[in-house]
């Protein structure tokens, strides 16, 4: 069965050797996701809503790269 590794480009993925998401067959597994951008900076510091939006968008992008989709409800 084929396996596809999906990265969001953060320093943590390279440093600790994990992927944002992994697609195996028709399943997609998403790893723990934080509100850190590709430079390791916190997005939406002191604003949990903005952090959540950033995280959902990061997960949505990873799913799209895996050929999956989701319906996110955020403004």
PDB file of N, CA and C in Angstrom:
ATOM      1  N   UNK A   1       0.850  -1.177   0.000  1.00  0.00           N
ATOM      2  CA  UNK A   1       0.000   0.000   0.000  1.00  0.00           C
ATOM      3  C   UNK A   1       0.896   1.239   0.000  1.00  0.00           C
ATOM      4  N   UNK A   2       0.541   2.217  -0.800  1.00  0.00           N
ATOM      5  CA  UNK A   2       1.359   3.421  -0.903  1.00  0.00           C
ATOM      6  C   UNK A   2       1.202   4.310   0.325  1.00  0.00           C
ATOM      7  N   UNK A   3       2.259   5.066   0.598  1.00  0.00           N
ATOM      8  CA  UNK A   3       2.253   5.990   1.726  1.00  0.00           C
ATOM      9  C   UNK A   3       2.765   7.345   1.241  1.00  0.00           C
ATOM     10  N   UNK A   4       2.034   8.412   1.566  1.00  0.00           N
ATOM     11  CA  UNK A   4       2.405   9.775   1.179  1.00  0.00           C
ATOM     12  C   UNK A   4       2.602  10.590   2.442  1.00  0.00           C
ATOM     13  N   UNK A   5       3.774  11.219   2.575  1.00  0.00           N
ATOM     14  CA  UNK A   5       4.062  12.096   3.711  1.00  0.00           C
ATOM     15  C   UNK A   5       3.783  13.528   3.300  1.00  0.00           C
ATOM     16  N   UNK A   6       3.104  14.278   4.155  1.00  0.00           N
ATOM     17  CA  UNK A   6       2.725  15.656   3.848  1.00  0.00           C
ATOM     18  C   UNK A   6       3.288  16.563   4.933  1.00  0.00           C
ATOM     19  N   UNK A   7       4.025  17.588   4.510  1.00  0.00           N
ATOM     20  CA  UNK A   7       4.671  18.514   5.436  1.00  0.00           C
ATOM     21  C   UNK A   7       4.081  19.909   5.270  1.00  0.00           C
ATOM     22  N   UNK A   8       4.066  20.675   6.367  1.00  0.00           N
ATOM     23  CA  UNK A   8       3.641  22.074   6.260  1.00  0.00           C
ATOM     24  C   UNK A   8       4.846  23.004   6.259  1.00  0.00           C
ATOM     25  N   UNK A   9       6.048  22.427   6.336  1.00  0.00           N
ATOM     26  CA  UNK A   9       7.264  23.225   6.223  1.00  0.00           C
ATOM     27  C   UNK A   9       7.786  23.815   7.516  1.00  0.00           C
ATOM     28  N   UNK A  10       7.234  23.414   8.656  1.00  0.00           N
ATOM     29  CA  UNK A  10       7.738  23.967   9.912  1.00  0.00           C
ATOM     30  C   UNK A  10       9.088  23.358  10.266  1.00  0.00           C
ATOM     31  N   UNK A  11       9.854  24.081  11.065  1.00  0.00           N
ATOM     32  CA  UNK A  11      11.170  23.594  11.491  1.00  0.00           C
ATOM     33  C   UNK A  11      11.035  22.346  12.350  1.00  0.00           C
ATOM     34  N   UNK A  12       9.921  22.224  13.051  1.00  0.00           N
ATOM     35  CA  UNK A  12       9.723  21.090  13.966  1.00  0.00           C
ATOM     36  C   UNK A  12       9.611  19.782  13.205  1.00  0.00           C
ATOM     37  N   UNK A  13       9.015  19.809  12.037  1.00  0.00           N
ATOM     38  CA  UNK A  13       8.872  18.583  11.251  1.00  0.00           C
ATOM     39  C   UNK A  13      10.238  18.041  10.849  1.00  0.00           C
ATOM     40  N   UNK A  14      11.117  18.916  10.401  1.00  0.00           N
ATOM     41  CA  UNK A  14      12.466  18.490  10.021  1.00  0.00           C
ATOM     42  C   UNK A  14      13.279  18.097  11.248  1.00  0.00           C
ATOM     43  N   UNK A  15      13.157  18.883  12.300  1.00  0.00           N
ATOM     44  CA  UNK A  15      13.959  18.648  13.501  1.00  0.00           C
ATOM     45  C   UNK A  15      13.600  17.338  14.195  1.00  0.00           C
ATOM     46  N   UNK A  16      12.306  17.014  14.257  1.00  0.00           N
ATOM     47  CA  UNK A  16      11.872  15.835  14.999  1.00  0.00           C
ATOM     48  C   UNK A  16      11.377  14.696  14.108  1.00  0.00           C
ATOM     49  N   UNK A  17      11.403  14.894  12.795  1.00  0.00           N
ATOM     50  CA  UNK A  17      11.115  13.819  11.865  1.00  0.00           C
ATOM     51  C   UNK A  17       9.684  13.326  11.819  1.00  0.00           C
ATOM     52  N   UNK A  18       8.736  14.232  11.854  1.00  0.00           N
ATOM     53  CA  UNK A  18       7.351  13.805  11.684  1.00  0.00           C
ATOM     54  C   UNK A  18       6.731  14.572  10.523  1.00  0.00           C
ATOM     55  N   UNK A  19       5.579  14.139  10.107  1.00  0.00           N
ATOM     56  CA  UNK A  19       4.866  14.782   9.009  1.00  0.00           C
ATOM     57  C   UNK A  19       3.559  15.357   9.525  1.00  0.00           C
ATOM     58  N   UNK A  20       3.130  16.448   8.920  1.00  0.00           N
ATOM     59  CA  UNK A  20       1.840  17.060   9.275  1.00  0.00           C
ATOM     60  C   UNK A  20       0.721  16.044   9.102  1.00  0.00           C
ATOM     61  N   UNK A  21       0.804  15.303   8.002  1.00  0.00           N
ATOM     62  CA  UNK A  21      -0.200  14.272   7.731  1.00  0.00           C
ATOM     63  C   UNK A  21       0.470  13.139   6.965  1.00  0.00           C
ATOM     64  N   UNK A  22      -0.126  11.966   7.072  1.00  0.00           N
ATOM     65  CA  UNK A  22       0.338  10.797   6.335  1.00  0.00           C
ATOM     66  C   UNK A  22      -0.885  10.149   5.689  1.00  0.00           C
ATOM     67  N   UNK A  23      -0.777   9.909   4.387  1.00  0.00           N
ATOM     68  CA  UNK A  23      -1.860   9.230   3.672  1.00  0.00           C
ATOM     69  C   UNK A  23      -1.409   7.808   3.381  1.00  0.00           C
ATOM     70  N   UNK A  24      -2.216   6.852   3.813  1.00  0.00           N
ATOM     71  CA  UNK A  24      -1.963   5.439   3.545  1.00  0.00           C
ATOM     72  C   UNK A  24      -3.238   4.872   2.925  1.00  0.00           C
ATOM     73  N   UNK A  25      -3.137   4.475   1.669  1.00  0.00           N
ATOM     74  CA  UNK A  25      -4.334   4.025   0.968  1.00  0.00           C
ATOM     75  C   UNK A  25      -5.330   5.166   0.867  1.00  0.00           C
ATOM     76  N   UNK A  26      -6.544   4.941   1.354  1.00  0.00           N
ATOM     77  CA  UNK A  26      -7.552   6.002   1.301  1.00  0.00           C
ATOM     78  C   UNK A  26      -7.765   6.665   2.667  1.00  0.00           C
ATOM     79  N   UNK A  27      -6.826   6.462   3.593  1.00  0.00           N
ATOM     80  CA  UNK A  27      -6.906   7.073   4.923  1.00  0.00           C
ATOM     81  C   UNK A  27      -5.863   8.173   5.059  1.00  0.00           C
ATOM     82  N   UNK A  28      -6.228   9.243   5.764  1.00  0.00           N
ATOM     83  CA  UNK A  28      -5.295  10.339   6.033  1.00  0.00           C
ATOM     84  C   UNK A  28      -5.245  10.540   7.540  1.00  0.00           C
ATOM     85  N   UNK A  29      -4.030  10.502   8.087  1.00  0.00           N
ATOM     86  CA  UNK A  29      -3.814  10.694   9.518  1.00  0.00           C
ATOM     87  C   UNK A  29      -3.119  12.032   9.718  1.00  0.00           C
ATOM     88  N   UNK A  30      -3.696  12.899  10.543  1.00  0.00           N
ATOM     89  CA  UNK A  30      -3.146  14.230  10.790  1.00  0.00           C
ATOM     90  C   UNK A  30      -2.473  14.231  12.156  1.00  0.00           C
ATOM     91  N   UNK A  31      -1.234  14.751  12.200  1.00  0.00           N
ATOM     92  CA  UNK A  31      -0.471  14.815  13.445  1.00  0.00           C
ATOM     93  C   UNK A  31      -0.918  16.010  14.284  1.00  0.00           C
ATOM     94  N   UNK A  32      -0.476  16.031  15.526  1.00  0.00           N
ATOM     95  CA  UNK A  32      -0.757  17.168  16.398  1.00  0.00           C
ATOM     96  C   UNK A  32      -0.351  18.464  15.717  1.00  0.00           C
ATOM     97  N   UNK A  33      -1.200  19.452  15.780  1.00  0.00           N
ATOM     98  CA  UNK A  33      -0.978  20.689  15.036  1.00  0.00           C
ATOM     99  C   UNK A  33      -1.063  21.878  15.986  1.00  0.00           C
ATOM    100  N   UNK A  34      -0.065  22.748  15.908  1.00  0.00           N
ATOM    101  CA  UNK A  34      -0.038  23.947  16.746  1.00  0.00           C
ATOM    102  C   UNK A  34      -0.121  25.192  15.877  1.00  0.00           C
ATOM    103  N   UNK A  35      -0.251  26.331  16.520  1.00  0.00           N
ATOM    104  CA  UNK A  35      -0.351  27.605  15.807  1.00  0.00           C
ATOM    105  C   UNK A  35       1.022  28.207  15.563  1.00  0.00           C
ATOM    106  N   UNK A  36       1.945  27.386  15.066  1.00  0.00           N
ATOM    107  CA  UNK A  36       3.286  27.870  14.726  1.00  0.00           C
ATOM    108  C   UNK A  36       3.411  27.903  13.208  1.00  0.00           C
ATOM    109  N   UNK A  37       3.960  29.002  12.701  1.00  0.00           N
ATOM    110  CA  UNK A  37       4.153  29.106  11.251  1.00  0.00           C
ATOM    111  C   UNK A  37       5.458  28.422  10.852  1.00  0.00           C
ATOM    112  N   UNK A  38       5.820  28.521   9.577  1.00  0.00           N
ATOM    113  CA  UNK A  38       7.008  27.839   9.075  1.00  0.00           C
ATOM    114  C   UNK A  38       8.313  28.342   9.687  1.00  0.00           C
ATOM    115  N   UNK A  39       8.282  29.491  10.356  1.00  0.00           N
ATOM    116  CA  UNK A  39       9.464  30.025  11.033  1.00  0.00           C
ATOM    117  C   UNK A  39       9.475  29.695  12.519  1.00  0.00           C
ATOM    118  N   UNK A  40       8.489  28.940  12.977  1.00  0.00           N
ATOM    119  CA  UNK A  40       8.403  28.586  14.389  1.00  0.00           C
ATOM    120  C   UNK A  40       7.779  29.661  15.259  1.00  0.00           C
ATOM    121  N   UNK A  41       7.229  30.692  14.641  1.00  0.00           N
ATOM    122  CA  UNK A  41       6.604  31.790  15.377  1.00  0.00           C
ATOM    123  C   UNK A  41       5.142  31.460  15.674  1.00  0.00           C
ATOM    124  N   UNK A  42       4.680  31.836  16.861  1.00  0.00           N
ATOM    125  CA  UNK A  42       3.289  31.603  17.232  1.00  0.00           C
ATOM    126  C   UNK A  42       2.399  32.596  16.492  1.00  0.00           C
ATOM    127  N   UNK A  43       1.374  32.072  15.840  1.00  0.00           N
ATOM    128  CA  UNK A  43       0.403  32.911  15.138  1.00  0.00           C
ATOM    129  C   UNK A  43      -0.771  33.150  16.081  1.00  0.00           C
ATOM    130  N   UNK A  44      -1.191  34.401  16.212  1.00  0.00           N
ATOM    131  CA  UNK A  44      -2.324  34.732  17.068  1.00  0.00           C
ATOM    132  C   UNK A  44      -1.988  34.655  18.544  1.00  0.00           C
ATOM    133  N   UNK A  45      -0.793  35.085  18.888  1.00  0.00           N
ATOM    134  CA  UNK A  45      -0.382  35.047  20.292  1.00  0.00           C
ATOM    135  C   UNK A  45      -1.438  35.725  21.174  1.00  0.00           C
ATOM    136  N   UNK A  46      -1.810  35.095  22.262  1.00  0.00           N
ATOM    137  CA  UNK A  46      -2.816  35.589  23.208  1.00  0.00           C
ATOM    138  C   UNK A  46      -4.224  35.667  22.613  1.00  0.00           C
ATOM    139  N   UNK A  47      -4.466  34.985  21.486  1.00  0.00           N
ATOM    140  CA  UNK A  47      -5.788  34.988  20.861  1.00  0.00           C
ATOM    141  C   UNK A  47      -6.108  33.566  20.404  1.00  0.00           C
ATOM    142  N   UNK A  48      -6.745  32.820  21.282  1.00  0.00           N
ATOM    143  CA  UNK A  48      -7.011  31.404  21.008  1.00  0.00           C
ATOM    144  C   UNK A  48      -7.875  31.218  19.765  1.00  0.00           C
ATOM    145  N   UNK A  49      -8.758  32.151  19.472  1.00  0.00           N
ATOM    146  CA  UNK A  49      -9.589  32.048  18.273  1.00  0.00           C
ATOM    147  C   UNK A  49      -8.724  32.111  17.019  1.00  0.00           C
ATOM    148  N   UNK A  50      -7.825  33.086  16.941  1.00  0.00           N
ATOM    149  CA  UNK A  50      -6.942  33.212  15.771  1.00  0.00           C
ATOM    150  C   UNK A  50      -6.013  32.009  15.655  1.00  0.00           C
ATOM    151  N   UNK A  51      -5.571  31.482  16.778  1.00  0.00           N
ATOM    152  CA  UNK A  51      -4.740  30.279  16.745  1.00  0.00           C
ATOM    153  C   UNK A  51      -5.529  29.110  16.165  1.00  0.00           C
ATOM    154  N   UNK A  52      -6.774  28.956  16.600  1.00  0.00           N
ATOM    155  CA  UNK A  52      -7.616  27.865  16.101  1.00  0.00           C
ATOM    156  C   UNK A  52      -7.846  27.993  14.598  1.00  0.00           C
ATOM    157  N   UNK A  53      -8.108  29.186  14.118  1.00  0.00           N
ATOM    158  CA  UNK A  53      -8.312  29.409  12.684  1.00  0.00           C
ATOM    159  C   UNK A  53      -7.069  29.006  11.914  1.00  0.00           C
ATOM    160  N   UNK A  54      -5.901  29.429  12.398  1.00  0.00           N
ATOM    161  CA  UNK A  54      -4.634  29.090  11.737  1.00  0.00           C
ATOM    162  C   UNK A  54      -4.438  27.576  11.696  1.00  0.00           C
ATOM    163  N   UNK A  55      -4.711  26.911  12.811  1.00  0.00           N
ATOM    164  CA  UNK A  55      -4.560  25.453  12.895  1.00  0.00           C
ATOM    165  C   UNK A  55      -5.511  24.755  11.933  1.00  0.00           C
ATOM    166  N   UNK A  56      -6.780  25.167  11.903  1.00  0.00           N
ATOM    167  CA  UNK A  56      -7.740  24.547  10.994  1.00  0.00           C
ATOM    168  C   UNK A  56      -7.316  24.714   9.534  1.00  0.00           C
ATOM    169  N   UNK A  57      -6.801  25.888   9.187  1.00  0.00           N
ATOM    170  CA  UNK A  57      -6.353  26.119   7.813  1.00  0.00           C
ATOM    171  C   UNK A  57      -5.142  25.249   7.481  1.00  0.00           C
ATOM    172  N   UNK A  58      -4.249  25.081   8.456  1.00  0.00           N
ATOM    173  CA  UNK A  58      -3.073  24.237   8.249  1.00  0.00           C
ATOM    174  C   UNK A  58      -3.496  22.779   8.019  1.00  0.00           C
ATOM    175  N   UNK A  59      -4.452  22.301   8.798  1.00  0.00           N
ATOM    176  CA  UNK A  59      -4.965  20.940   8.638  1.00  0.00           C
ATOM    177  C   UNK A  59      -5.686  20.802   7.298  1.00  0.00           C
ATOM    178  N   UNK A  60      -6.494  21.798   6.961  1.00  0.00           N
ATOM    179  CA  UNK A  60      -7.229  21.769   5.694  1.00  0.00           C
ATOM    180  C   UNK A  60      -6.270  21.688   4.508  1.00  0.00           C
ATOM    181  N   UNK A  61      -5.189  22.448   4.550  1.00  0.00           N
ATOM    182  CA  UNK A  61      -4.194  22.431   3.468  1.00  0.00           C
ATOM    183  C   UNK A  61      -3.549  21.056   3.358  1.00  0.00           C
ATOM    184  N   UNK A  62      -3.202  20.458   4.493  1.00  0.00           N
ATOM    185  CA  UNK A  62      -2.594  19.124   4.481  1.00  0.00           C
ATOM    186  C   UNK A  62      -3.560  18.100   3.890  1.00  0.00           C
ATOM    187  N   UNK A  63      -4.828  18.181   4.267  1.00  0.00           N
ATOM    188  CA  UNK A  63      -5.825  17.257   3.729  1.00  0.00           C
ATOM    189  C   UNK A  63      -5.965  17.423   2.219  1.00  0.00           C
ATOM    190  N   UNK A  64      -5.958  18.662   1.752  1.00  0.00           N
ATOM    191  CA  UNK A  64      -6.076  18.918   0.312  1.00  0.00           C
ATOM    192  C   UNK A  64      -4.878  18.337  -0.430  1.00  0.00           C
ATOM    193  N   UNK A  65      -3.675  18.467   0.141  1.00  0.00           N
ATOM    194  CA  UNK A  65      -2.482  17.890  -0.487  1.00  0.00           C
ATOM    195  C   UNK A  65      -2.587  16.374  -0.584  1.00  0.00           C
ATOM    196  N   UNK A  66      -3.320  15.777   0.345  1.00  0.00           N
ATOM    197  CA  UNK A  66      -3.510  14.325   0.357  1.00  0.00           C
ATOM    198  C   UNK A  66      -4.662  13.896  -0.543  1.00  0.00           C
ATOM    199  N   UNK A  67      -5.328  14.867  -1.166  1.00  0.00           N
ATOM    200  CA  UNK A  67      -6.452  14.546  -2.041  1.00  0.00           C
ATOM    201  C   UNK A  67      -7.758  14.387  -1.283  1.00  0.00           C
ATOM    202  N   UNK A  68      -7.765  14.812  -0.034  1.00  0.00           N
ATOM    203  CA  UNK A  68      -8.969  14.739   0.792  1.00  0.00           C
ATOM    204  C   UNK A  68      -9.573  16.139   0.902  1.00  0.00           C
ATOM    205  N   UNK A  69     -10.725  16.216   1.511  1.00  0.00           N
ATOM    206  CA  UNK A  69     -11.348  17.514   1.716  1.00  0.00           C
ATOM    207  C   UNK A  69     -12.098  17.506   3.039  1.00  0.00           C
ATOM    208  N   UNK A  70     -12.399  18.680   3.501  1.00  0.00           N
ATOM    209  CA  UNK A  70     -13.193  18.818   4.711  1.00  0.00           C
ATOM    210  C   UNK A  70     -13.950  20.137   4.600  1.00  0.00           C
ATOM    211  N   UNK A  71     -14.969  20.240   5.396  1.00  0.00           N
ATOM    212  CA  UNK A  71     -15.728  21.478   5.415  1.00  0.00           C
ATOM    213  C   UNK A  71     -15.420  22.156   6.753  1.00  0.00           C
ATOM    214  N   UNK A  72     -14.714  23.257   6.674  1.00  0.00           N
ATOM    215  CA  UNK A  72     -14.341  23.986   7.878  1.00  0.00           C
ATOM    216  C   UNK A  72     -15.311  25.141   8.078  1.00  0.00           C
ATOM    217  N   UNK A  73     -15.702  25.340   9.307  1.00  0.00           N
ATOM    218  CA  UNK A  73     -16.637  26.418   9.637  1.00  0.00           C
ATOM    219  C   UNK A  73     -15.905  27.481  10.438  1.00  0.00           C
ATOM    220  N   UNK A  74     -15.387  28.459   9.762  1.00  0.00           N
ATOM    221  CA  UNK A  74     -14.745  29.579  10.438  1.00  0.00           C
ATOM    222  C   UNK A  74     -14.966  30.838   9.613  1.00  0.00           C
ATOM    223  N   UNK A  75     -14.861  31.948  10.288  1.00  0.00           N
ATOM    224  CA  UNK A  75     -15.101  33.234   9.608  1.00  0.00           C
ATOM    225  C   UNK A  75     -13.804  33.943   9.309  1.00  0.00           C
TER     226      UNK A  75
END
